[in-house]
C-alpha atoms as a PDB file:
ATOM      1  CA  MET A   1      -1.336 -24.295   7.022  1.00  0.00           C
ATOM      2  CA  PRO A   2       0.698 -24.610  10.214  1.00  0.00           C
ATOM      3  CA  ARG A   3       3.223 -21.860   9.382  1.00  0.00           C
ATOM      4  CA  ALA A   4       2.295 -18.707   7.497  1.00  0.00           C
ATOM      5  CA  LYS A   5       3.888 -15.450   6.426  1.00  0.00           C
ATOM      6  CA  PHE A   6       1.671 -12.372   6.489  1.00  0.00           C
ATOM      7  CA  LEU A   7       2.816  -9.378   4.458  1.00  0.00           C
ATOM      8  CA  ILE A   8       2.278  -5.850   5.771  1.00  0.00           C
ATOM      9  CA  ASP A   9       1.512  -4.236   2.432  1.00  0.00           C
ATOM     10  CA  ASP A  10      -1.709  -2.282   2.039  1.00  0.00           C
ATOM     11  CA  PRO A  11      -1.622  -0.047  -1.077  1.00  0.00           C
ATOM     12  CA  MET A  12      -4.705   1.775   0.226  1.00  0.00           C
ATOM     13  CA  ARG A  13      -2.684   2.980   3.240  1.00  0.00           C
ATOM     14  CA  ARG A  14      -5.248   1.955   5.879  1.00  0.00           C
ATOM     15  CA  ASN A  15      -2.706   0.698   8.418  1.00  0.00           C
ATOM     16  CA  PHE A  16      -1.383   3.230  10.885  1.00  0.00           C
ATOM     17  CA  VAL A  17       1.021   3.944  13.701  1.00  0.00           C
ATOM     18  CA  GLN A  18       0.398   6.934  15.926  1.00  0.00           C
ATOM     19  CA  VAL A  19       2.426   8.392  18.774  1.00  0.00           C
ATOM     20  CA  VAL A  20       1.041  10.771  21.400  1.00  0.00           C
ATOM     21  CA  SER A  21       2.965  13.225  23.561  1.00  0.00           C
ATOM     22  CA  VAL A  22       1.068  14.434  26.638  1.00  0.00           C
ATOM     23  CA  ALA A  23       3.128  17.081  28.430  1.00  0.00           C
ATOM     24  CA  PRO A  24       2.119  19.580  31.157  1.00  0.00           C
ATOM     25  CA  LEU A  25       1.592  22.417  28.652  1.00  0.00           C
ATOM     26  CA  GLU A  26       0.616  20.663  25.442  1.00  0.00           C
ATOM     27  CA  ALA A  27      -0.572  17.441  23.821  1.00  0.00           C
ATOM     28  CA  MET A  28       0.557  16.384  20.344  1.00  0.00           C
ATOM     29  CA  LEU A  29      -0.216  13.487  18.026  1.00  0.00           C
ATOM     30  CA  PHE A  30       2.043  12.210  15.241  1.00  0.00           C
ATOM     31  CA  ARG A  31       0.811   9.668  12.739  1.00  0.00           C
ATOM     32  CA  THR A  32       1.915   7.654   9.732  1.00  0.00           C
ATOM     33  CA  ILE A  33       0.097   5.372   7.309  1.00  0.00           C
ATOM     34  CA  ASP A  34       3.294   4.288   5.538  1.00  0.00           C
ATOM     35  CA  ILE A  35       4.147   0.892   7.082  1.00  0.00           C
ATOM     36  CA  SER A  36       5.813  -2.143   5.510  1.00  0.00           C
ATOM     37  CA  GLY A  37       7.070  -5.476   6.829  1.00  0.00           C
ATOM     38  CA  GLN A  38       5.892  -8.974   7.652  1.00  0.00           C
ATOM     39  CA  ILE A  39       4.685 -11.274  10.429  1.00  0.00           C
ATOM     40  CA  GLU A  40       5.509 -14.984  10.472  1.00  0.00           C
ATOM     41  CA  VAL A  41       3.656 -17.311  12.808  1.00  0.00           C
ATOM     42  CA  ASP A  42       2.731 -20.963  13.282  1.00  0.00           C
ATOM     43  CA  THR A  43      -1.051 -21.008  13.155  1.00  0.00           C
ATOM     44  CA  ASP A  44      -1.117 -24.173  15.277  1.00  0.00           C
ATOM     45  CA  ASN A  45       0.978 -22.586  18.037  1.00  0.00           C
ATOM     46  CA  ILE A  46       1.881 -18.896  18.020  1.00  0.00           C
ATOM     47  CA  LEU A  47       4.687 -19.555  20.543  1.00  0.00           C
ATOM     48  CA  ASP A  48       6.633 -21.612  18.003  1.00  0.00           C
ATOM     49  CA  LYS A  49       9.298 -19.187  16.748  1.00  0.00           C
ATOM     50  CA  PRO A  50       7.102 -16.185  15.905  1.00  0.00           C
ATOM     51  CA  ALA A  51       8.764 -13.393  13.949  1.00  0.00           C
ATOM     52  CA  ALA A  52       7.657  -9.888  13.070  1.00  0.00           C
ATOM     53  CA  SER A  53       9.218  -6.708  11.776  1.00  0.00           C
ATOM     54  CA  PHE A  54       8.019  -3.518  10.203  1.00  0.00           C
ATOM     55  CA  THR A  55       9.512  -0.251   9.019  1.00  0.00           C
ATOM     56  CA  VAL A  56       8.240   3.324   9.072  1.00  0.00           C
ATOM     57  CA  PRO A  57       9.954   6.105   7.072  1.00  0.00           C
ATOM     58  CA  VAL A  58      10.551   9.116   9.331  1.00  0.00           C
ATOM     59  CA  GLU A  59       9.565  11.410   6.440  1.00  0.00           C
ATOM     60  CA  SER A  60       6.070   9.911   6.567  1.00  0.00           C
ATOM     61  CA  LEU A  61       5.396  11.069  10.149  1.00  0.00           C
ATOM     62  CA  ASP A  62       2.817  13.847  10.207  1.00  0.00           C
ATOM     63  CA  GLY A  63       1.891  16.099  13.125  1.00  0.00           C
ATOM     64  CA  GLY A  64      -1.135  17.657  11.424  1.00  0.00           C
ATOM     65  CA  ILE A  65       0.455  21.130  11.406  1.00  0.00           C
ATOM     66  CA  PRO A  66       3.107  21.819   8.738  1.00  0.00           C
ATOM     67  CA  LEU A  67       5.485  23.663  11.080  1.00  0.00           C
ATOM     68  CA  LEU A  68       5.183  20.967  13.735  1.00  0.00           C
ATOM     69  CA  THR A  69       5.770  18.210  11.171  1.00  0.00           C
ATOM     70  CA  GLU A  70       8.822  20.026   9.789  1.00  0.00           C
ATOM     71  CA  THR A  71      10.226  20.488  13.307  1.00  0.00           C
ATOM     72  CA  LEU A  72       9.645  16.818  14.160  1.00  0.00           C
ATOM     73  CA  ARG A  73      11.632  15.666  11.124  1.00  0.00           C
ATOM     74  CA  SER A  74      14.427  18.212  11.632  1.00  0.00           C
ATOM     75  CA  GLU A  75      17.852  17.518  13.160  1.00  0.00           C
ATOM     76  CA  ARG A  76      16.645  19.184  16.370  1.00  0.00           C
ATOM     77  CA  TRP A  77      14.256  16.266  16.851  1.00  0.00           C
ATOM     78  CA  ILE A  78      14.537  12.897  15.138  1.00  0.00           C
ATOM     79  CA  ASP A  79      16.568  13.965  12.086  1.00  0.00           C
ATOM     80  CA  ALA A  80      14.929  12.294   9.082  1.00  0.00           C
ATOM     81  CA  VAL A  81      18.031  12.860   6.947  1.00  0.00           C
ATOM     82  CA  LYS A  82      20.488  11.116   9.265  1.00  0.00           C
ATOM     83  CA  PHE A  83      18.039   8.520  10.622  1.00  0.00           C
ATOM     84  CA  PRO A  84      15.490   7.935   7.828  1.00  0.00           C
ATOM     85  CA  LYS A  85      13.752   4.840   9.243  1.00  0.00           C
ATOM     86  CA  ILE A  86      12.191   3.550  12.434  1.00  0.00           C
ATOM     87  CA  VAL A  87      12.319  -0.254  12.587  1.00  0.00           C
ATOM     88  CA  PHE A  88      10.521  -2.607  14.959  1.00  0.00           C
ATOM     89  CA  SER A  89      11.513  -6.270  15.428  1.00  0.00           C
ATOM     90  CA  LEU A  90       9.783  -8.790  17.671  1.00  0.00           C
ATOM     91  CA  ALA A  91      12.147 -10.223  20.291  1.00  0.00           C
ATOM     92  CA  ARG A  92       9.806 -12.670  22.042  1.00  0.00           C
ATOM     93  CA  LEU A  93       6.247 -13.349  23.129  1.00  0.00           C
ATOM     94  CA  VAL A  94       5.794 -13.169  26.897  1.00  0.00           C
ATOM     95  CA  THR A  95       2.149 -14.271  26.959  1.00  0.00           C
ATOM     96  CA  PRO A  96       0.360 -16.523  26.304  1.00  0.00           C
ATOM     97  CA  THR A  97       2.591 -18.979  28.127  1.00  0.00           C
ATOM     98  CA  THR A  98       1.037 -22.213  26.832  1.00  0.00           C
ATOM     99  CA  PRO A  99       0.760 -23.479  23.225  1.00  0.00           C
ATOM    100  CA  THR A 100      -1.961 -21.416  21.557  1.00  0.00           C
ATOM    101  CA  PRO A 101      -3.410 -21.922  18.068  1.00  0.00           C
ATOM    102  CA  LEU A 102      -4.982 -19.216  15.947  1.00  0.00           C
ATOM    103  CA  LYS A 103      -8.742 -19.631  15.574  1.00  0.00           C
ATOM    104  CA  ASP A 104     -10.677 -18.005  12.789  1.00  0.00           C
ATOM    105  CA  GLY A 105     -12.013 -14.624  13.958  1.00  0.00           C
ATOM    106  CA  VAL A 106     -10.989 -15.096  17.608  1.00  0.00           C
ATOM    107  CA  PRO A 107      -8.775 -12.346  19.107  1.00  0.00           C
ATOM    108  CA  ILE A 108      -5.776 -13.483  21.177  1.00  0.00           C
ATOM    109  CA  SER A 109      -4.354 -11.140  23.806  1.00  0.00           C
ATOM    110  CA  ILE A 110      -0.561 -10.959  23.786  1.00  0.00           C
ATOM    111  CA  THR A 111       2.260  -9.311  25.639  1.00  0.00           C
ATOM    112  CA  ALA A 112       5.636  -9.186  23.980  1.00  0.00           C
ATOM    113  CA  GLU A 113       9.065  -7.635  23.967  1.00  0.00           C
ATOM    114  CA  GLY A 114      10.269  -5.863  20.864  1.00  0.00           C
ATOM    115  CA  THR A 115      13.237  -3.826  19.722  1.00  0.00           C
ATOM    116  CA  PHE A 116      12.821  -0.351  18.280  1.00  0.00           C
ATOM    117  CA  GLU A 117      15.658   1.018  16.148  1.00  0.00           C
ATOM    118  CA  PHE A 118      15.059   4.744  16.479  1.00  0.00           C
ATOM    119  CA  HIS A 119      17.395   7.720  16.097  1.00  0.00           C
ATOM    120  CA  GLY A 120      20.421   5.439  15.828  1.00  0.00           C
ATOM    121  CA  VAL A 121      19.667   3.561  19.065  1.00  0.00           C
ATOM    122  CA  SER A 122      18.177   0.058  19.475  1.00  0.00           C
ATOM    123  CA  LYS A 123      16.219  -0.547  22.672  1.00  0.00           C
ATOM    124  CA  LYS A 124      13.751  -3.201  23.850  1.00  0.00           C
ATOM    125  CA  TYR A 125      10.291  -2.247  25.106  1.00  0.00           C
ATOM    126  CA  PRO A 126       7.283  -4.186  26.422  1.00  0.00           C
ATOM    127  CA  ILE A 127       4.258  -4.290  24.127  1.00  0.00           C
ATOM    128  CA  LYS A 128       0.631  -5.169  24.815  1.00  0.00           C
ATOM    129  CA  GLY A 129      -1.987  -6.016  22.239  1.00  0.00           C
ATOM    130  CA  GLU A 130      -4.014  -8.611  20.412  1.00  0.00           C
ATOM    131  CA  ILE A 131      -3.887 -10.506  17.142  1.00  0.00           C
ATOM    132  CA  THR A 132      -6.839 -11.809  15.164  1.00  0.00           C
ATOM    133  CA  TRP A 133      -6.541 -14.298  12.299  1.00  0.00           C
ATOM    134  CA  GLN A 134      -9.268 -14.551   9.686  1.00  0.00           C
ATOM    135  CA  LYS A 135      -9.346 -17.221   7.019  1.00  0.00           C
ATOM    136  CA  ALA A 136      -9.874 -15.831   3.521  1.00  0.00           C
ATOM    137  CA  ASN A 137     -13.534 -15.219   2.716  1.00  0.00           C
ATOM    138  CA  GLU A 138     -15.720 -12.748   0.824  1.00  0.00           C
ATOM    139  CA  ASN A 139     -15.528 -10.176   3.614  1.00  0.00           C
ATOM    140  CA  THR A 140     -11.756 -10.291   4.106  1.00  0.00           C
ATOM    141  CA  ALA A 141     -11.276 -10.058   0.322  1.00  0.00           C
ATOM    142  CA  ARG A 142     -12.716  -6.548   0.506  1.00  0.00           C
ATOM    143  CA  ARG A 143      -9.723  -5.635   2.638  1.00  0.00           C
ATOM    144  CA  LEU A 144      -6.839  -7.815   1.401  1.00  0.00           C
ATOM    145  CA  PRO A 145      -6.371 -11.085  -0.537  1.00  0.00           C
ATOM    146  CA  GLY A 146      -5.588 -14.355   1.248  1.00  0.00           C
ATOM    147  CA  ASP A 147      -5.796 -15.050   4.968  1.00  0.00           C
ATOM    148  CA  VAL A 148      -5.646 -11.887   7.063  1.00  0.00           C
ATOM    149  CA  LEU A 149      -3.950 -11.179  10.377  1.00  0.00           C
ATOM    150  CA  ARG A 150      -4.786  -8.036  12.343  1.00  0.00           C
ATOM    151  CA  LEU A 151      -2.413  -6.645  14.963  1.00  0.00           C
ATOM    152  CA  ARG A 152      -3.458  -4.004  17.478  1.00  0.00           C
ATOM    153  CA  ALA A 153      -0.880  -3.020  20.081  1.00  0.00           C
ATOM    154  CA  SER A 154       0.392  -0.250  22.324  1.00  0.00           C
ATOM    155  CA  PHE A 155       3.862   0.669  23.547  1.00  0.00           C
ATOM    156  CA  ASP A 156       5.885   3.438  25.192  1.00  0.00           C
ATOM    157  CA  LEU A 157       8.915   5.118  23.612  1.00  0.00           C
ATOM    158  CA  ASN A 158      11.380   7.122  25.711  1.00  0.00           C
ATOM    159  CA  LEU A 159      13.026  10.033  23.874  1.00  0.00           C
ATOM    160  CA  ARG A 160      15.983  10.356  26.233  1.00  0.00           C
ATOM    161  CA  GLU A 161      16.860   6.664  25.844  1.00  0.00           C
ATOM    162  CA  HIS A 162      17.260   7.274  22.115  1.00  0.00           C
ATOM    163  CA  GLY A 163      19.301  10.444  22.420  1.00  0.00           C
ATOM    164  CA  VAL A 164      16.446  12.797  21.543  1.00  0.00           C
ATOM    165  CA  GLU A 165      16.301  15.701  23.988  1.00  0.00           C
ATOM    166  CA  ALA A 166      13.780  17.968  22.305  1.00  0.00           C
ATOM    167  CA  HIS A 167      11.728  17.860  25.501  1.00  0.00           C
ATOM    168  CA  LEU A 168      14.572  19.606  27.366  1.00  0.00           C
ATOM    169  CA  SER A 169      15.080  22.593  25.044  1.00  0.00           C
ATOM    170  CA  ALA A 170      14.007  26.050  26.162  1.00  0.00           C
ATOM    171  CA  GLN A 171      11.463  26.322  23.331  1.00  0.00           C
ATOM    172  CA  THR A 172       9.698  23.042  24.048  1.00  0.00           C
ATOM    173  CA  PHE A 173      10.217  22.532  27.795  1.00  0.00           C
ATOM    174  CA  GLY A 174       6.878  21.482  29.270  1.00  0.00           C
ATOM    175  CA  LYS A 175       5.392  21.008  25.790  1.00  0.00           C
ATOM    176  CA  VAL A 176       6.964  17.669  24.833  1.00  0.00           C
ATOM    177  CA  ALA A 177       6.720  14.540  26.982  1.00  0.00           C
ATOM    178  CA  GLU A 178       9.880  12.520  27.583  1.00  0.00           C
ATOM    179  CA  THR A 179       7.911   9.288  27.118  1.00  0.00           C
ATOM    180  CA  LEU A 180       5.629   8.954  24.116  1.00  0.00           C
ATOM    181  CA  VAL A 181       2.672   6.546  23.951  1.00  0.00           C
ATOM    182  CA  GLY A 182       2.346   4.632  20.673  1.00  0.00           C
ATOM    183  CA  THR A 183      -0.495   2.692  19.066  1.00  0.00           C
ATOM    184  CA  ILE A 184      -0.329   0.263  16.137  1.00  0.00           C
ATOM    185  CA  ASP A 185      -3.292  -0.979  14.108  1.00  0.00           C
ATOM    186  CA  LEU A 186      -2.473  -2.947  10.987  1.00  0.00           C
ATOM    187  CA  PHE A 187      -3.631  -5.753   8.730  1.00  0.00           C
ATOM    188  CA  ALA A 188      -1.288  -8.228   7.033  1.00  0.00           C
ATOM    189  CA  SER A 189      -2.155 -10.907   4.492  1.00  0.00           C
ATOM    190  CA  THR A 190      -0.775 -14.137   3.082  1.00  0.00           C
ATOM    191  CA  GLU A 191      -1.087 -12.798  -0.469  1.00  0.00           C
ATOM    192  CA  ARG A 192       0.361  -9.559  -1.821  1.00  0.00           C
ATOM    193  CA  PRO A 193      -2.327  -7.182  -3.135  1.00  0.00           C
ATOM    194  CA  VAL A 194      -2.417  -6.426  -6.846  1.00  0.00           C
ATOM    195  CA  ILE A 195      -3.727  -2.929  -7.585  1.00  0.00           C
ATOM    196  CA  PRO A 196      -4.755  -1.850 -11.116  1.00  0.00           C
ATOM    197  CA  GLU A 197      -2.489   0.796 -12.658  1.00  0.00           C
ATOM    198  CA  LYS A 198      -5.364   3.270 -12.884  1.00  0.00           C
ATOM    199  CA  MET A 199      -6.033   3.022  -9.155  1.00  0.00           C
ATOM    200  CA  LEU A 200      -2.320   3.336  -8.368  1.00  0.00           C
ATOM    201  CA  GLY A 201      -2.283   6.590 -10.331  1.00  0.00           C
ATOM    202  CA  GLU A 202      -5.314   7.867  -8.437  1.00  0.00           C
ATOM    203  CA  LEU A 203      -3.713   6.981  -5.098  1.00  0.00           C
ATOM    204  CA  ALA A 204      -0.466   8.725  -6.056  1.00  0.00           C
ATOM    205  CA  ARG A 205      -2.381  11.854  -7.100  1.00  0.00           C
ATOM    206  CA  ALA A 206      -4.382  11.888  -3.855  1.00  0.00           C
ATOM    207  CA  LYS A 207      -1.159  11.521  -1.845  1.00  0.00           C
ATOM    208  CA  ARG A 208       0.418  14.468  -3.710  1.00  0.00           C
ATOM    209  CA  GLU A 209      -2.640  16.639  -3.154  1.00  0.00           C
ATOM    210  CA  LEU A 210      -2.684  15.786   0.554  1.00  0.00           C
ATOM    211  CA  GLY A 211       0.994  16.701   0.842  1.00  0.00           C
ATOM    212  CA  GLN A 212       0.353  20.024  -0.889  1.00  0.00           C
ATOM    213  CA  ARG A 213      -2.501  20.872   1.478  1.00  0.00           C
ATOM    214  CA  LEU A 214      -0.406  20.018   4.525  1.00  0.00           C
ATOM    215  CA  SER A 215       2.562  22.081   3.334  1.00  0.00           C
ATOM    216  CA  GLY A 216       0.426  24.997   2.173  1.00  0.00           C
END
């Protein structure tokens, strides 16, 4: 299986992206578990035309406090109505620099350059992380069907570069950092999960109840 496509599609919502703002007067964490996309890689050599992209709906970002979450999504910040999605696309792998195969269960450290489409602006950022490929077995089947690829990575995101100046307003000056620190932890698989209708209903109900608690 020299070339494989791994789908970022976990109905159980166990993947996540989180972004932290550490400013002089306050620290905040925003998080989402709503991530979709795919990673394509040659398992014999990850440097051979790798591709990756994933999308996060802005409406899914949660700050843990209803008022903070509402403010984050508002036009004063990232404007979920006008800019409903944040999209990441891999531009290139920087390291490793020599042909590198995936080995079952062995993490590979990577540095890369990727483009974030955020608030109507596309900008490239460096990314550091690791990928781990696991061939399908009884243990991985408890997570997702097929072969599984895990990506863990970190990145910085500059608000000013994307036209967001919430950190400069009188109300938030000193409370919002200009540069946010992001973390990604996700699993992708070569087979799309199939979830029984009953479980899908239970997941939808749990999601509604969580939303009601957060907004209440």
